[in-house]
Amino acid sequence: MNTVILRTVAPPITALMLVFSVFVLLRGHNEPGGGFIGGLIAASALAIYGIAHGVAAVRLAIRFHPMAIAGFGLLLATLSGFVSIFAGVPFMTGLWIYPSLFGVEVPLATVISFDIGVYFVVVGAIAGIALTLEGREED
């Protein structure tokens, strides 16, 4: 199944899917989408790239072990929840700040940091599973 056509189209399709996954992640707290769906799209992109170019190429591309990515995401999501405790409100309450960036007020929230954490958990976990399953056929 590893054809010249698949090896040729896999890199641009992977890049497009990764960009789309970030788009879905960032629009998720206002419209359908979010960290989980964005993470699934990103993990699917890595799986397609792995089918075309092999597990070693994907491991080289992501640079970190998939479980380290998932662990970072879990830490980020957990810290997003603890910020609310330190602010004196219930755990996982969304908090907003409005810093000024180049004279423009930019709203930032613990909601988006939680979504980014979920994104990394899903990418790391699913990519780890996919790489393990794809690597078994190379043995």
C-alpha atoms as a PDB file:
ATOM      1  CA  MET A   1       0.000   0.000   0.000  1.00  0.00           C
ATOM      2  CA  ASN A   2       3.027   2.292   0.352  1.00  0.00           C
ATOM      3  CA  THR A   3       2.941   3.715  -3.187  1.00  0.00           C
ATOM      4  CA  VAL A   4       4.792   6.568  -4.813  1.00  0.00           C
ATOM      5  CA  ILE A   5       1.563   8.550  -4.892  1.00  0.00           C
ATOM      6  CA  LEU A   6       1.024   8.141  -1.126  1.00  0.00           C
ATOM      7  CA  ARG A   7       4.639   9.079  -0.341  1.00  0.00           C
ATOM      8  CA  THR A   8       4.290  12.150  -2.563  1.00  0.00           C
ATOM      9  CA  VAL A   9       0.992  13.497  -1.228  1.00  0.00           C
ATOM     10  CA  ALA A  10       1.481  12.576   2.441  1.00  0.00           C
ATOM     11  CA  PRO A  11       3.690  15.556   3.433  1.00  0.00           C
ATOM     12  CA  PRO A  12       1.379  18.303   2.065  1.00  0.00           C
ATOM     13  CA  ILE A  13      -1.721  16.532   3.367  1.00  0.00           C
ATOM     14  CA  THR A  14      -0.070  16.152   6.780  1.00  0.00           C
ATOM     15  CA  ALA A  15       0.825  19.850   6.836  1.00  0.00           C
ATOM     16  CA  LEU A  16      -2.720  20.877   5.866  1.00  0.00           C
ATOM     17  CA  MET A  17      -4.236  18.589   8.490  1.00  0.00           C
ATOM     18  CA  LEU A  18      -1.942  19.970  11.203  1.00  0.00           C
ATOM     19  CA  VAL A  19      -2.862  23.559  10.303  1.00  0.00           C
ATOM     20  CA  PHE A  20      -6.543  22.620  10.260  1.00  0.00           C
ATOM     21  CA  SER A  21      -6.192  20.918  13.657  1.00  0.00           C
ATOM     22  CA  VAL A  22      -4.838  24.147  15.155  1.00  0.00           C
ATOM     23  CA  PHE A  23      -7.741  26.058  13.560  1.00  0.00           C
ATOM     24  CA  VAL A  24     -10.253  23.633  15.108  1.00  0.00           C
ATOM     25  CA  LEU A  25      -8.446  23.897  18.456  1.00  0.00           C
ATOM     26  CA  LEU A  26      -8.530  27.691  18.539  1.00  0.00           C
ATOM     27  CA  ARG A  27     -12.158  28.092  17.528  1.00  0.00           C
ATOM     28  CA  GLY A  28     -13.315  25.388  19.934  1.00  0.00           C
ATOM     29  CA  HIS A  29     -14.336  27.532  22.890  1.00  0.00           C
ATOM     30  CA  ASN A  30     -16.678  29.654  20.739  1.00  0.00           C
ATOM     31  CA  GLU A  31     -17.934  27.127  18.173  1.00  0.00           C
ATOM     32  CA  PRO A  32     -17.822  23.348  17.653  1.00  0.00           C
ATOM     33  CA  GLY A  33     -14.311  22.002  17.909  1.00  0.00           C
ATOM     34  CA  GLY A  34     -11.723  22.232  20.642  1.00  0.00           C
ATOM     35  CA  GLY A  35      -8.757  20.352  21.969  1.00  0.00           C
ATOM     36  CA  PHE A  36     -10.123  16.846  21.605  1.00  0.00           C
ATOM     37  CA  ILE A  37     -11.220  17.081  17.973  1.00  0.00           C
ATOM     38  CA  GLY A  38      -8.147  19.119  17.015  1.00  0.00           C
ATOM     39  CA  GLY A  39      -5.921  16.522  18.667  1.00  0.00           C
ATOM     40  CA  LEU A  40      -7.615  13.697  16.775  1.00  0.00           C
ATOM     41  CA  ILE A  41      -7.052  15.516  13.477  1.00  0.00           C
ATOM     42  CA  ALA A  42      -3.368  16.089  14.323  1.00  0.00           C
ATOM     43  CA  ALA A  43      -2.876  12.461  15.378  1.00  0.00           C
ATOM     44  CA  SER A  44      -4.535  11.321  12.142  1.00  0.00           C
ATOM     45  CA  ALA A  45      -2.109  13.500  10.186  1.00  0.00           C
ATOM     46  CA  LEU A  46       0.835  11.871  11.962  1.00  0.00           C
ATOM     47  CA  ALA A  47      -0.620   8.420  11.277  1.00  0.00           C
ATOM     48  CA  ILE A  48      -0.919   9.180   7.548  1.00  0.00           C
ATOM     49  CA  TYR A  49       2.657  10.415   7.494  1.00  0.00           C
ATOM     50  CA  GLY A  50       3.743   7.274   9.343  1.00  0.00           C
ATOM     51  CA  ILE A  51       1.988   4.996   6.865  1.00  0.00           C
ATOM     52  CA  ALA A  52       3.721   6.757   3.981  1.00  0.00           C
ATOM     53  CA  HIS A  53       7.215   7.234   5.396  1.00  0.00           C
ATOM     54  CA  GLY A  54       7.503   4.874   8.346  1.00  0.00           C
ATOM     55  CA  VAL A  55       7.516   5.165  12.116  1.00  0.00           C
ATOM     56  CA  ALA A  56      11.097   6.431  12.290  1.00  0.00           C
ATOM     57  CA  ALA A  57      10.215   9.472  10.149  1.00  0.00           C
ATOM     58  CA  VAL A  58       7.299  10.389  12.433  1.00  0.00           C
ATOM     59  CA  ARG A  59       9.388   9.974  15.578  1.00  0.00           C
ATOM     60  CA  LEU A  60      12.014  12.242  14.032  1.00  0.00           C
ATOM     61  CA  ALA A  61       9.363  14.806  13.046  1.00  0.00           C
ATOM     62  CA  ILE A  62       7.693  15.068  16.463  1.00  0.00           C
ATOM     63  CA  ARG A  63      11.080  15.118  18.281  1.00  0.00           C
ATOM     64  CA  PHE A  64       9.578  14.088  21.655  1.00  0.00           C
ATOM     65  CA  HIS A  65       8.249  10.755  22.817  1.00  0.00           C
ATOM     66  CA  PRO A  66       4.449  10.700  22.368  1.00  0.00           C
ATOM     67  CA  MET A  67       3.896   9.960  26.062  1.00  0.00           C
ATOM     68  CA  ALA A  68       5.998  13.017  26.968  1.00  0.00           C
ATOM     69  CA  ILE A  69       3.693  15.100  24.769  1.00  0.00           C
ATOM     70  CA  ALA A  70       0.655  13.606  26.499  1.00  0.00           C
ATOM     71  CA  GLY A  71       2.215  14.201  29.923  1.00  0.00           C
ATOM     72  CA  PHE A  72       2.911  17.852  29.081  1.00  0.00           C
ATOM     73  CA  GLY A  73      -0.702  18.252  27.975  1.00  0.00           C
ATOM     74  CA  LEU A  74      -1.996  16.699  31.187  1.00  0.00           C
ATOM     75  CA  LEU A  75       0.210  19.012  33.233  1.00  0.00           C
ATOM     76  CA  LEU A  76      -1.005  22.067  31.302  1.00  0.00           C
ATOM     77  CA  ALA A  77      -4.676  21.100  31.630  1.00  0.00           C
ATOM     78  CA  THR A  78      -4.264  20.446  35.360  1.00  0.00           C
ATOM     79  CA  LEU A  79      -2.454  23.734  35.946  1.00  0.00           C
ATOM     80  CA  SER A  80      -5.261  25.523  34.110  1.00  0.00           C
ATOM     81  CA  GLY A  81      -7.670  24.167  36.697  1.00  0.00           C
ATOM     82  CA  PHE A  82      -5.473  25.082  39.658  1.00  0.00           C
ATOM     83  CA  VAL A  83      -5.233  28.716  38.570  1.00  0.00           C
ATOM     84  CA  SER A  84      -8.863  29.143  39.596  1.00  0.00           C
ATOM     85  CA  ILE A  85      -8.185  27.734  43.072  1.00  0.00           C
ATOM     86  CA  PHE A  86      -5.394  30.256  43.584  1.00  0.00           C
ATOM     87  CA  ALA A  87      -7.823  32.987  42.494  1.00  0.00           C
ATOM     88  CA  GLY A  88     -10.282  31.890  45.196  1.00  0.00           C
ATOM     89  CA  VAL A  89     -12.971  30.439  42.926  1.00  0.00           C
ATOM     90  CA  PRO A  90     -14.017  26.799  42.404  1.00  0.00           C
ATOM     91  CA  PHE A  91     -11.696  24.388  40.573  1.00  0.00           C
ATOM     92  CA  MET A  92     -11.839  24.665  36.733  1.00  0.00           C
ATOM     93  CA  THR A  93     -13.652  28.013  36.753  1.00  0.00           C
ATOM     94  CA  GLY A  94     -12.702  29.906  33.611  1.00  0.00           C
ATOM     95  CA  LEU A  95     -10.702  33.058  34.302  1.00  0.00           C
ATOM     96  CA  TRP A  96     -10.019  35.814  31.781  1.00  0.00           C
ATOM     97  CA  ILE A  97      -7.272  38.410  31.530  1.00  0.00           C
ATOM     98  CA  TYR A  98      -7.012  41.183  28.940  1.00  0.00           C
ATOM     99  CA  PRO A  99      -3.365  42.112  28.299  1.00  0.00           C
ATOM    100  CA  SER A 100      -2.529  44.777  25.742  1.00  0.00           C
ATOM    101  CA  LEU A 101      -0.435  43.621  22.778  1.00  0.00           C
ATOM    102  CA  PHE A 102       0.726  46.392  20.432  1.00  0.00           C
ATOM    103  CA  GLY A 103      -2.103  48.574  21.699  1.00  0.00           C
ATOM    104  CA  VAL A 104      -4.761  45.918  21.082  1.00  0.00           C
ATOM    105  CA  GLU A 105      -6.551  44.267  23.990  1.00  0.00           C
ATOM    106  CA  VAL A 106      -6.170  40.477  23.691  1.00  0.00           C
ATOM    107  CA  PRO A 107      -8.509  38.284  25.765  1.00  0.00           C
ATOM    108  CA  LEU A 108      -6.765  35.212  27.229  1.00  0.00           C
ATOM    109  CA  ALA A 109      -8.453  32.558  29.337  1.00  0.00           C
ATOM    110  CA  THR A 110      -7.703  29.441  31.294  1.00  0.00           C
ATOM    111  CA  VAL A 111     -10.261  27.818  28.996  1.00  0.00           C
ATOM    112  CA  ILE A 112      -7.893  27.968  26.025  1.00  0.00           C
ATOM    113  CA  SER A 113      -4.922  26.709  28.043  1.00  0.00           C
ATOM    114  CA  PHE A 114      -7.088  23.768  29.158  1.00  0.00           C
ATOM    115  CA  ASP A 115      -8.054  23.086  25.527  1.00  0.00           C
ATOM    116  CA  ILE A 116      -4.400  23.209  24.471  1.00  0.00           C
ATOM    117  CA  GLY A 117      -3.598  20.732  27.236  1.00  0.00           C
ATOM    118  CA  VAL A 118      -6.335  18.378  26.021  1.00  0.00           C
ATOM    119  CA  TYR A 119      -4.988  18.780  22.469  1.00  0.00           C
ATOM    120  CA  PHE A 120      -1.519  17.628  23.551  1.00  0.00           C
ATOM    121  CA  VAL A 121      -2.921  14.734  25.607  1.00  0.00           C
ATOM    122  CA  VAL A 122      -4.902  13.442  22.638  1.00  0.00           C
ATOM    123  CA  VAL A 123      -2.053  13.946  20.132  1.00  0.00           C
ATOM    124  CA  GLY A 124       0.435  12.202  22.422  1.00  0.00           C
ATOM    125  CA  ALA A 125      -1.800   9.300  23.392  1.00  0.00           C
ATOM    126  CA  ILE A 126      -3.216   8.546  19.941  1.00  0.00           C
ATOM    127  CA  ALA A 127       0.124   9.085  18.187  1.00  0.00           C
ATOM    128  CA  GLY A 128       1.774   6.751  20.698  1.00  0.00           C
ATOM    129  CA  ILE A 129      -0.807   4.061  20.009  1.00  0.00           C
ATOM    130  CA  ALA A 130      -0.604   4.534  16.235  1.00  0.00           C
ATOM    131  CA  LEU A 131       3.201   4.479  16.198  1.00  0.00           C
ATOM    132  CA  THR A 132       3.258   1.353  18.305  1.00  0.00           C
ATOM    133  CA  LEU A 133       0.795  -0.419  16.020  1.00  0.00           C
ATOM    134  CA  GLU A 134       2.549   0.738  12.836  1.00  0.00           C
ATOM    135  CA  GLY A 135       5.928  -0.252  14.270  1.00  0.00           C
ATOM    136  CA  ARG A 136       4.776  -3.823  14.852  1.00  0.00           C
ATOM    137  CA  GLU A 137       4.535  -4.443  11.107  1.00  0.00           C
ATOM    138  CA  GLU A 138       8.148  -3.364  10.593  1.00  0.00           C
ATOM    139  CA  ASP A 139       9.406  -6.173  12.855  1.00  0.00           C
END
